[in-house]
Amino acid sequence: MGHALLLGGQLHEVWLSRSEGGGYDVHLGGKVIGDHGRAVAVAVSGDDVHLHLDGETHVICFVDALERHAAAASEEGGAVARAPMPGNVIAVSVAAGDAVRRGQPLLVIESMKMETTITAPCDGRVQDVHVTVGRTFERDAVLVTLEVEAA
């Protein structure tokens, strides 16, 4: 589950990686922002982060991942199980039409020689399984779509 920030009223996925110089690069909405020796002033107030960079000030608001995904599921009328990292599928436990309960295993993936079980994020019915055994995928790929059953 990726982190997200609200910047200028738009939601942006964000994560960090090590830069060649030993610092960090920020990946924000598909762009890579490196420090490149520039000074950055940061002030934090609650969930708001104020950044002063290259003569401009930006206000970034942290968005809780669980709340963001729950809101997306309710807006779509469904829910999705996404890949937490790139890898490949080694087992699929469900098929379209199957009823599932929150926490029930949907499939098993392998990434960097580690197996991870992907579970149902909520009660529902499998609408579509987007991958098959042996298929590779990227981080955040939609693996399974669920139709959320009305309570």
Foldseek 3Di string as FASTA:
>chain_A
DFWWKQWPNDIWTWDWDADPVRHIWIQTRNDTHDCVVWDWDWDDDPQWIWIQTPNDIIIIGTDDPVVVQVVVQVVVQWHFFWAQFWFFWAFADDAAFAWFAFFQFGTWTDDPNDIDTTTDNHTFTWHHAPHDHPDIDGGGHTGTMGRHDDD
